[in-house]
PDB file of N, CA and C in Angstrom:
ATOM      1  N   MET A   1     331.251  80.830 139.864  1.00  0.00           N
ATOM      2  CA  MET A   1     331.332  82.265 139.167  1.00  0.00           C
ATOM      3  C   MET A   1     331.710  83.206 140.305  1.00  0.00           C
ATOM      4  N   ASN A   2     332.546  84.114 140.003  1.00  0.00           N
ATOM      5  CA  ASN A   2     332.908  85.092 140.917  1.00  0.00           C
ATOM      6  C   ASN A   2     331.905  86.236 141.163  1.00  0.00           C
ATOM      7  N   GLN A   3     331.849  86.887 142.232  1.00  0.00           N
ATOM      8  CA  GLN A   3     330.713  87.775 142.671  1.00  0.00           C
ATOM      9  C   GLN A   3     330.673  88.937 141.691  1.00  0.00           C
ATOM     10  N   SER A   4     331.664  89.552 141.133  1.00  0.00           N
ATOM     11  CA  SER A   4     331.415  90.638 140.282  1.00  0.00           C
ATOM     12  C   SER A   4     331.019  90.120 138.834  1.00  0.00           C
ATOM     13  N   LEU A   5     331.459  88.972 138.505  1.00  0.00           N
ATOM     14  CA  LEU A   5     330.969  88.415 137.228  1.00  0.00           C
ATOM     15  C   LEU A   5     329.387  88.128 137.380  1.00  0.00           C
ATOM     16  N   ALA A   6     328.877  87.563 138.487  1.00  0.00           N
ATOM     17  CA  ALA A   6     327.534  87.270 138.700  1.00  0.00           C
ATOM     18  C   ALA A   6     326.845  88.606 138.775  1.00  0.00           C
ATOM     19  N   CYS A   7     327.187  89.586 139.269  1.00  0.00           N
ATOM     20  CA  CYS A   7     326.541  90.948 139.342  1.00  0.00           C
ATOM     21  C   CYS A   7     326.382  91.459 137.937  1.00  0.00           C
ATOM     22  N   ASP A   8     327.395  91.374 137.077  1.00  0.00           N
ATOM     23  CA  ASP A   8     327.366  91.921 135.744  1.00  0.00           C
ATOM     24  C   ASP A   8     326.297  90.990 134.933  1.00  0.00           C
ATOM     25  N   VAL A   9     326.301  89.785 135.194  1.00  0.00           N
ATOM     26  CA  VAL A   9     325.295  88.878 134.311  1.00  0.00           C
ATOM     27  C   VAL A   9     323.955  89.171 134.727  1.00  0.00           C
ATOM     28  N   TYR A  10     323.617  89.266 135.985  1.00  0.00           N
ATOM     29  CA  TYR A  10     322.218  89.539 136.527  1.00  0.00           C
ATOM     30  C   TYR A  10     321.803  90.964 136.085  1.00  0.00           C
ATOM     31  N   SER A  11     322.755  91.934 136.175  1.00  0.00           N
ATOM     32  CA  SER A  11     322.350  93.384 135.731  1.00  0.00           C
ATOM     33  C   SER A  11     322.043  93.295 134.142  1.00  0.00           C
ATOM     34  N   ASN A  12     322.914  92.590 133.423  1.00  0.00           N
ATOM     35  CA  ASN A  12     322.674  92.624 132.044  1.00  0.00           C
ATOM     36  C   ASN A  12     321.293  91.921 131.758  1.00  0.00           C
ATOM     37  N   ALA A  13     320.948  90.920 132.532  1.00  0.00           N
ATOM     38  CA  ALA A  13     319.619  90.187 132.261  1.00  0.00           C
ATOM     39  C   ALA A  13     318.541  91.303 132.626  1.00  0.00           C
ATOM     40  N   LEU A  14     318.735  91.955 133.770  1.00  0.00           N
ATOM     41  CA  LEU A  14     317.633  92.860 134.148  1.00  0.00           C
ATOM     42  C   LEU A  14     317.481  93.947 133.128  1.00  0.00           C
ATOM     43  N   ASN A  15     318.559  94.495 132.671  1.00  0.00           N
ATOM     44  CA  ASN A  15     318.477  95.485 131.642  1.00  0.00           C
ATOM     45  C   ASN A  15     317.901  95.091 130.269  1.00  0.00           C
ATOM     46  N   THR A  16     317.945  93.939 130.039  1.00  0.00           N
ATOM     47  CA  THR A  16     317.444  93.280 128.871  1.00  0.00           C
ATOM     48  C   THR A  16     315.785  93.093 129.125  1.00  0.00           C
ATOM     49  N   PHE A  17     315.415  92.885 130.133  1.00  0.00           N
ATOM     50  CA  PHE A  17     314.079  92.671 130.538  1.00  0.00           C
ATOM     51  C   PHE A  17     313.016  93.639 130.077  1.00  0.00           C
ATOM     52  N   LYS A  18     312.170  93.390 129.068  1.00  0.00           N
ATOM     53  CA  LYS A  18     311.053  94.341 128.630  1.00  0.00           C
ATOM     54  C   LYS A  18     309.886  93.409 128.300  1.00  0.00           C
ATOM     55  N   ASP A  19     308.770  93.936 128.657  1.00  0.00           N
ATOM     56  CA  ASP A  19     307.502  93.270 128.366  1.00  0.00           C
ATOM     57  C   ASP A  19     307.485  91.929 129.108  1.00  0.00           C
ATOM     58  N   ASN A  20     307.545  90.840 128.315  1.00  0.00           N
ATOM     59  CA  ASN A  20     307.417  89.598 128.902  1.00  0.00           C
ATOM     60  C   ASN A  20     308.488  88.566 128.276  1.00  0.00           C
ATOM     61  N   ASN A  21     309.701  88.985 128.112  1.00  0.00           N
ATOM     62  CA  ASN A  21     310.672  88.272 127.482  1.00  0.00           C
ATOM     63  C   ASN A  21     311.627  87.562 128.641  1.00  0.00           C
ATOM     64  N   LEU A  22     311.031  86.800 129.593  1.00  0.00           N
ATOM     65  CA  LEU A  22     311.660  86.231 130.662  1.00  0.00           C
ATOM     66  C   LEU A  22     312.612  85.173 130.200  1.00  0.00           C
ATOM     67  N   THR A  23     312.226  84.418 129.009  1.00  0.00           N
ATOM     68  CA  THR A  23     312.981  83.343 128.412  1.00  0.00           C
ATOM     69  C   THR A  23     314.391  83.971 128.003  1.00  0.00           C
ATOM     70  N   GLU A  24     314.350  85.092 127.412  1.00  0.00           N
ATOM     71  CA  GLU A  24     315.699  85.719 126.984  1.00  0.00           C
ATOM     72  C   GLU A  24     316.574  86.091 128.188  1.00  0.00           C
ATOM     73  N   CYS A  25     315.960  86.595 129.201  1.00  0.00           N
ATOM     74  CA  CYS A  25     316.612  86.938 130.417  1.00  0.00           C
ATOM     75  C   CYS A  25     317.203  85.702 131.050  1.00  0.00           C
ATOM     76  N   LEU A  26     316.555  84.675 131.156  1.00  0.00           N
ATOM     77  CA  LEU A  26     317.061  83.308 131.614  1.00  0.00           C
ATOM     78  C   LEU A  26     318.241  82.855 130.785  1.00  0.00           C
ATOM     79  N   ASN A  27     318.165  82.965 129.472  1.00  0.00           N
ATOM     80  CA  ASN A  27     319.287  82.493 128.527  1.00  0.00           C
ATOM     81  C   ASN A  27     320.464  83.190 128.852  1.00  0.00           C
ATOM     82  N   ILE A  28     320.293  84.534 129.161  1.00  0.00           N
ATOM     83  CA  ILE A  28     321.590  85.395 129.648  1.00  0.00           C
ATOM     84  C   ILE A  28     322.095  84.852 130.813  1.00  0.00           C
ATOM     85  N   ILE A  29     321.303  84.505 131.739  1.00  0.00           N
ATOM     86  CA  ILE A  29     321.785  84.089 133.086  1.00  0.00           C
ATOM     87  C   ILE A  29     322.398  82.751 132.990  1.00  0.00           C
ATOM     88  N   GLN A  30     321.802  81.832 132.178  1.00  0.00           N
ATOM     89  CA  GLN A  30     322.368  80.480 132.121  1.00  0.00           C
ATOM     90  C   GLN A  30     323.376  80.262 131.069  1.00  0.00           C
ATOM     91  N   ALA A  31     323.776  81.237 130.325  1.00  0.00           N
ATOM     92  CA  ALA A  31     324.895  81.030 129.280  1.00  0.00           C
ATOM     93  C   ALA A  31     326.157  80.651 130.034  1.00  0.00           C
ATOM     94  N   PRO A  32     327.064  79.880 129.365  1.00  0.00           N
ATOM     95  CA  PRO A  32     328.314  79.550 129.901  1.00  0.00           C
ATOM     96  C   PRO A  32     329.107  80.814 130.258  1.00  0.00           C
ATOM     97  N   LYS A  33     329.805  80.748 131.312  1.00  0.00           N
ATOM     98  CA  LYS A  33     330.627  81.791 131.735  1.00  0.00           C
ATOM     99  C   LYS A  33     332.069  81.371 131.907  1.00  0.00           C
ATOM    100  N   PRO A  34     333.023  82.245 131.778  1.00  0.00           N
ATOM    101  CA  PRO A  34     334.421  81.820 132.010  1.00  0.00           C
ATOM    102  C   PRO A  34     334.618  81.418 133.449  1.00  0.00           C
ATOM    103  N   LYS A  35     335.360  80.554 133.779  1.00  0.00           N
ATOM    104  CA  LYS A  35     335.561  79.987 135.174  1.00  0.00           C
ATOM    105  C   LYS A  35     336.003  80.963 136.127  1.00  0.00           C
ATOM    106  N   ASN A  36     337.161  81.583 135.952  1.00  0.00           N
ATOM    107  CA  ASN A  36     337.603  82.651 136.855  1.00  0.00           C
ATOM    108  C   ASN A  36     338.663  83.392 136.186  1.00  0.00           C
ATOM    109  N   PRO A  37     338.301  84.382 135.370  1.00  0.00           N
ATOM    110  CA  PRO A  37     339.258  85.239 134.558  1.00  0.00           C
ATOM    111  C   PRO A  37     340.264  85.928 135.450  1.00  0.00           C
ATOM    112  N   GLU A  38     341.459  85.937 135.063  1.00  0.00           N
ATOM    113  CA  GLU A  38     342.497  86.480 135.890  1.00  0.00           C
ATOM    114  C   GLU A  38     342.580  87.991 135.457  1.00  0.00           C
ATOM    115  N   PRO A  39     342.666  88.845 136.342  1.00  0.00           N
ATOM    116  CA  PRO A  39     342.690  90.451 135.900  1.00  0.00           C
ATOM    117  C   PRO A  39     344.148  90.775 135.507  1.00  0.00           C
ATOM    118  N   TYR A  40     344.324  91.905 134.797  1.00  0.00           N
ATOM    119  CA  TYR A  40     345.679  92.248 134.464  1.00  0.00           C
ATOM    120  C   TYR A  40     346.280  92.944 135.660  1.00  0.00           C
ATOM    121  N   HIS A  41     347.555  92.654 135.673  1.00  0.00           N
ATOM    122  CA  HIS A  41     348.426  93.198 136.776  1.00  0.00           C
ATOM    123  C   HIS A  41     349.620  93.813 136.354  1.00  0.00           C
ATOM    124  N   THR A  42     350.249  94.631 137.216  1.00  0.00           N
ATOM    125  CA  THR A  42     351.651  95.044 136.962  1.00  0.00           C
ATOM    126  C   THR A  42     352.583  94.194 137.844  1.00  0.00           C
ATOM    127  N   TRP A  43     353.355  93.423 137.063  1.00  0.00           N
ATOM    128  CA  TRP A  43     354.339  92.555 137.574  1.00  0.00           C
ATOM    129  C   TRP A  43     355.699  93.241 137.689  1.00  0.00           C
ATOM    130  N   ILE A  44     356.523  92.812 138.725  1.00  0.00           N
ATOM    131  CA  ILE A  44     357.804  93.428 138.824  1.00  0.00           C
ATOM    132  C   ILE A  44     358.916  92.256 139.239  1.00  0.00           C
ATOM    133  N   HIS A  45     360.072  92.464 138.527  1.00  0.00           N
ATOM    134  CA  HIS A  45     361.266  91.548 138.700  1.00  0.00           C
ATOM    135  C   HIS A  45     362.374  92.452 139.038  1.00  0.00           C
ATOM    136  N   PRO A  46     363.261  91.984 139.872  1.00  0.00           N
ATOM    137  CA  PRO A  46     364.437  92.791 140.145  1.00  0.00           C
ATOM    138  C   PRO A  46     365.404  92.962 138.999  1.00  0.00           C
ATOM    139  N   GLU A  47     365.502  92.008 138.029  1.00  0.00           N
ATOM    140  CA  GLU A  47     366.396  92.143 136.934  1.00  0.00           C
ATOM    141  C   GLU A  47     365.694  92.567 135.570  1.00  0.00           C
ATOM    142  N   HIS A  48     364.355  92.320 135.501  1.00  0.00           N
ATOM    143  CA  HIS A  48     363.696  92.569 134.198  1.00  0.00           C
ATOM    144  C   HIS A  48     362.682  93.677 134.305  1.00  0.00           C
ATOM    145  N   GLY A  49     362.744  94.344 135.453  1.00  0.00           N
ATOM    146  CA  GLY A  49     361.714  95.531 135.589  1.00  0.00           C
ATOM    147  C   GLY A  49     360.337  95.226 135.666  1.00  0.00           C
ATOM    148  N   GLU A  50     359.485  96.050 135.069  1.00  0.00           N
ATOM    149  CA  GLU A  50     358.012  95.957 135.198  1.00  0.00           C
ATOM    150  C   GLU A  50     357.423  95.200 133.946  1.00  0.00           C
ATOM    151  N   PHE A  51     356.286  94.582 134.038  1.00  0.00           N
ATOM    152  CA  PHE A  51     355.557  93.942 132.934  1.00  0.00           C
ATOM    153  C   PHE A  51     354.112  94.182 133.370  1.00  0.00           C
ATOM    154  N   TYR A  52     353.237  94.630 132.342  1.00  0.00           N
ATOM    155  CA  TYR A  52     351.857  94.689 132.601  1.00  0.00           C
ATOM    156  C   TYR A  52     351.113  93.563 131.856  1.00  0.00           C
ATOM    157  N   GLY A  53     350.281  92.753 132.459  1.00  0.00           N
ATOM    158  CA  GLY A  53     349.523  91.727 131.782  1.00  0.00           C
ATOM    159  C   GLY A  53     349.114  90.594 132.707  1.00  0.00           C
ATOM    160  N   ARG A  54     348.655  89.545 132.155  1.00  0.00           N
ATOM    161  CA  ARG A  54     348.147  88.419 133.021  1.00  0.00           C
ATOM    162  C   ARG A  54     349.339  87.436 133.154  1.00  0.00           C
ATOM    163  N   SER A  55     349.205  86.470 133.904  1.00  0.00           N
ATOM    164  CA  SER A  55     350.343  85.429 134.072  1.00  0.00           C
ATOM    165  C   SER A  55     350.622  84.731 132.808  1.00  0.00           C
ATOM    166  N   TYR A  56     349.609  84.455 131.959  1.00  0.00           N
ATOM    167  CA  TYR A  56     349.718  83.850 130.598  1.00  0.00           C
ATOM    168  C   TYR A  56     350.643  84.631 129.690  1.00  0.00           C
ATOM    169  N   ASP A  57     350.467  85.894 129.807  1.00  0.00           N
ATOM    170  CA  ASP A  57     351.174  86.975 128.952  1.00  0.00           C
ATOM    171  C   ASP A  57     352.669  86.980 129.360  1.00  0.00           C
ATOM    172  N   LEU A  58     352.775  86.974 130.785  1.00  0.00           N
ATOM    173  CA  LEU A  58     354.175  87.004 131.396  1.00  0.00           C
ATOM    174  C   LEU A  58     354.922  85.894 130.953  1.00  0.00           C
ATOM    175  N   VAL A  59     354.376  84.622 131.063  1.00  0.00           N
ATOM    176  CA  VAL A  59     355.144  83.459 130.712  1.00  0.00           C
ATOM    177  C   VAL A  59     355.544  83.368 129.280  1.00  0.00           C
ATOM    178  N   ARG A  60     354.569  84.059 128.249  1.00  0.00           N
ATOM    179  CA  ARG A  60     354.880  84.073 126.885  1.00  0.00           C
ATOM    180  C   ARG A  60     355.931  85.121 126.571  1.00  0.00           C
ATOM    181  N   ALA A  61     356.004  86.216 127.363  1.00  0.00           N
ATOM    182  CA  ALA A  61     356.884  87.326 127.203  1.00  0.00           C
ATOM    183  C   ALA A  61     358.352  87.045 127.622  1.00  0.00           C
ATOM    184  N   PHE A  62     358.487  85.988 128.530  1.00  0.00           N
ATOM    185  CA  PHE A  62     359.878  85.657 128.886  1.00  0.00           C
ATOM    186  C   PHE A  62     360.063  84.154 128.918  1.00  0.00           C
ATOM    187  N   PRO A  63     360.120  83.813 127.665  1.00  0.00           N
ATOM    188  CA  PRO A  63     360.227  82.291 127.386  1.00  0.00           C
ATOM    189  C   PRO A  63     361.582  81.578 128.032  1.00  0.00           C
ATOM    190  N   ASN A  64     362.561  82.408 128.014  1.00  0.00           N
ATOM    191  CA  ASN A  64     363.878  81.853 128.522  1.00  0.00           C
ATOM    192  C   ASN A  64     364.076  81.838 130.011  1.00  0.00           C
ATOM    193  N   GLN A  65     363.088  82.225 130.834  1.00  0.00           N
ATOM    194  CA  GLN A  65     363.124  82.104 132.209  1.00  0.00           C
ATOM    195  C   GLN A  65     362.592  80.825 132.815  1.00  0.00           C
ATOM    196  N   GLY A  66     362.051  79.986 132.062  1.00  0.00           N
ATOM    197  CA  GLY A  66     361.474  78.749 132.578  1.00  0.00           C
ATOM    198  C   GLY A  66     360.363  78.939 133.419  1.00  0.00           C
ATOM    199  N   LEU A  67     359.544  79.907 133.137  1.00  0.00           N
ATOM    200  CA  LEU A  67     358.346  80.228 134.006  1.00  0.00           C
ATOM    201  C   LEU A  67     357.277  79.099 133.797  1.00  0.00           C
ATOM    202  N   ASP A  68     356.476  78.748 134.735  1.00  0.00           N
ATOM    203  CA  ASP A  68     355.577  77.802 134.658  1.00  0.00           C
ATOM    204  C   ASP A  68     354.124  78.521 134.846  1.00  0.00           C
ATOM    205  N   ASP A  69     353.272  78.212 133.692  1.00  0.00           N
ATOM    206  CA  ASP A  69     351.920  78.680 133.720  1.00  0.00           C
ATOM    207  C   ASP A  69     351.163  78.639 134.979  1.00  0.00           C
ATOM    208  N   ALA A  70     351.146  77.499 135.648  1.00  0.00           N
ATOM    209  CA  ALA A  70     350.414  77.257 136.851  1.00  0.00           C
ATOM    210  C   ALA A  70     350.851  78.096 138.021  1.00  0.00           C
ATOM    211  N   ASP A  71     352.246  78.091 138.167  1.00  0.00           N
ATOM    212  CA  ASP A  71     352.809  78.804 139.321  1.00  0.00           C
ATOM    213  C   ASP A  71     352.700  80.337 139.166  1.00  0.00           C
ATOM    214  N   ALA A  72     352.768  80.779 137.911  1.00  0.00           N
ATOM    215  CA  ALA A  72     352.534  82.211 137.706  1.00  0.00           C
ATOM    216  C   ALA A  72     351.108  82.653 137.974  1.00  0.00           C
ATOM    217  N   ARG A  73     350.140  81.772 137.529  1.00  0.00           N
ATOM    218  CA  ARG A  73     348.753  82.110 137.748  1.00  0.00           C
ATOM    219  C   ARG A  73     348.442  82.137 139.317  1.00  0.00           C
ATOM    220  N   LYS A  74     349.168  81.266 140.013  1.00  0.00           N
ATOM    221  CA  LYS A  74     348.885  81.381 141.557  1.00  0.00           C
ATOM    222  C   LYS A  74     349.352  82.637 142.030  1.00  0.00           C
ATOM    223  N   VAL A  75     350.425  83.276 141.486  1.00  0.00           N
ATOM    224  CA  VAL A  75     350.816  84.578 141.880  1.00  0.00           C
ATOM    225  C   VAL A  75     349.809  85.639 141.383  1.00  0.00           C
ATOM    226  N   GLY A  76     349.273  85.428 140.256  1.00  0.00           N
ATOM    227  CA  GLY A  76     348.231  86.395 139.669  1.00  0.00           C
ATOM    228  C   GLY A  76     347.076  86.417 140.518  1.00  0.00           C
ATOM    229  N   PHE A  77     346.722  85.370 141.180  1.00  0.00           N
ATOM    230  CA  PHE A  77     345.444  85.296 142.071  1.00  0.00           C
ATOM    231  C   PHE A  77     345.864  85.455 143.518  1.00  0.00           C
ATOM    232  N   GLY A  78     347.130  85.671 143.817  1.00  0.00           N
ATOM    233  CA  GLY A  78     347.491  85.949 145.307  1.00  0.00           C
ATOM    234  C   GLY A  78     347.684  84.795 146.034  1.00  0.00           C
ATOM    235  N   LYS A  79     347.693  83.607 145.493  1.00  0.00           N
ATOM    236  CA  LYS A  79     347.983  82.425 146.329  1.00  0.00           C
ATOM    237  C   LYS A  79     349.493  82.275 146.606  1.00  0.00           C
ATOM    238  N   ASN A  80     350.389  82.707 145.795  1.00  0.00           N
ATOM    239  CA  ASN A  80     351.732  82.561 146.055  1.00  0.00           C
ATOM    240  C   ASN A  80     352.256  84.036 145.869  1.00  0.00           C
ATOM    241  N   LYS A  81     353.442  84.284 146.598  1.00  0.00           N
ATOM    242  CA  LYS A  81     353.888  85.834 146.511  1.00  0.00           C
ATOM    243  C   LYS A  81     354.845  85.995 145.347  1.00  0.00           C
ATOM    244  N   THR A  82     355.654  84.989 144.928  1.00  0.00           N
ATOM    245  CA  THR A  82     356.552  85.214 143.882  1.00  0.00           C
ATOM    246  C   THR A  82     356.670  83.800 143.020  1.00  0.00           C
ATOM    247  N   HIS A  83     357.159  83.952 141.773  1.00  0.00           N
ATOM    248  CA  HIS A  83     357.518  82.840 140.966  1.00  0.00           C
ATOM    249  C   HIS A  83     358.716  83.367 140.226  1.00  0.00           C
ATOM    250  N   LYS A  84     359.809  82.669 140.575  1.00  0.00           N
ATOM    251  CA  LYS A  84     361.130  82.884 139.779  1.00  0.00           C
ATOM    252  C   LYS A  84     361.456  84.500 139.842  1.00  0.00           C
ATOM    253  N   GLY A  85     361.208  84.980 140.934  1.00  0.00           N
ATOM    254  CA  GLY A  85     361.654  86.541 141.129  1.00  0.00           C
ATOM    255  C   GLY A  85     360.519  87.471 140.658  1.00  0.00           C
ATOM    256  N   TRP A  86     359.420  86.924 139.989  1.00  0.00           N
ATOM    257  CA  TRP A  86     358.283  87.821 139.556  1.00  0.00           C
ATOM    258  C   TRP A  86     357.260  87.968 140.721  1.00  0.00           C
ATOM    259  N   ARG A  87     356.768  89.163 140.972  1.00  0.00           N
ATOM    260  CA  ARG A  87     355.725  89.268 142.000  1.00  0.00           C
ATOM    261  C   ARG A  87     354.839  90.450 141.491  1.00  0.00           C
ATOM    262  N   LEU A  88     353.720  90.689 142.086  1.00  0.00           N
ATOM    263  CA  LEU A  88     352.797  91.595 141.886  1.00  0.00           C
ATOM    264  C   LEU A  88     353.248  92.955 142.389  1.00  0.00           C
ATOM    265  N   LYS A  89     353.230  94.008 141.717  1.00  0.00           N
ATOM    266  CA  LYS A  89     353.522  95.289 142.262  1.00  0.00           C
ATOM    267  C   LYS A  89     352.517  95.897 143.175  1.00  0.00           C
TER     268      LYS A  89
END
């Protein structure tokens, strides 16, 4: 779990704590969390201009470019600089 998500979860559990409802707080902390949500970005391409969204949205918005979900996601998380000309602004 990423740090900001963990902070939100524990804050939510603490804000829920009243009287003696420790079980409810533990349920909030132990509930399944998304693995690693990708934030929204502004993408830029020399021929196609700007696009705002996640890598998943980018791949769906430009189906004729042959974009790969995994490679675009790597750019979205900063692991790669570009994918088929798309990069983060």
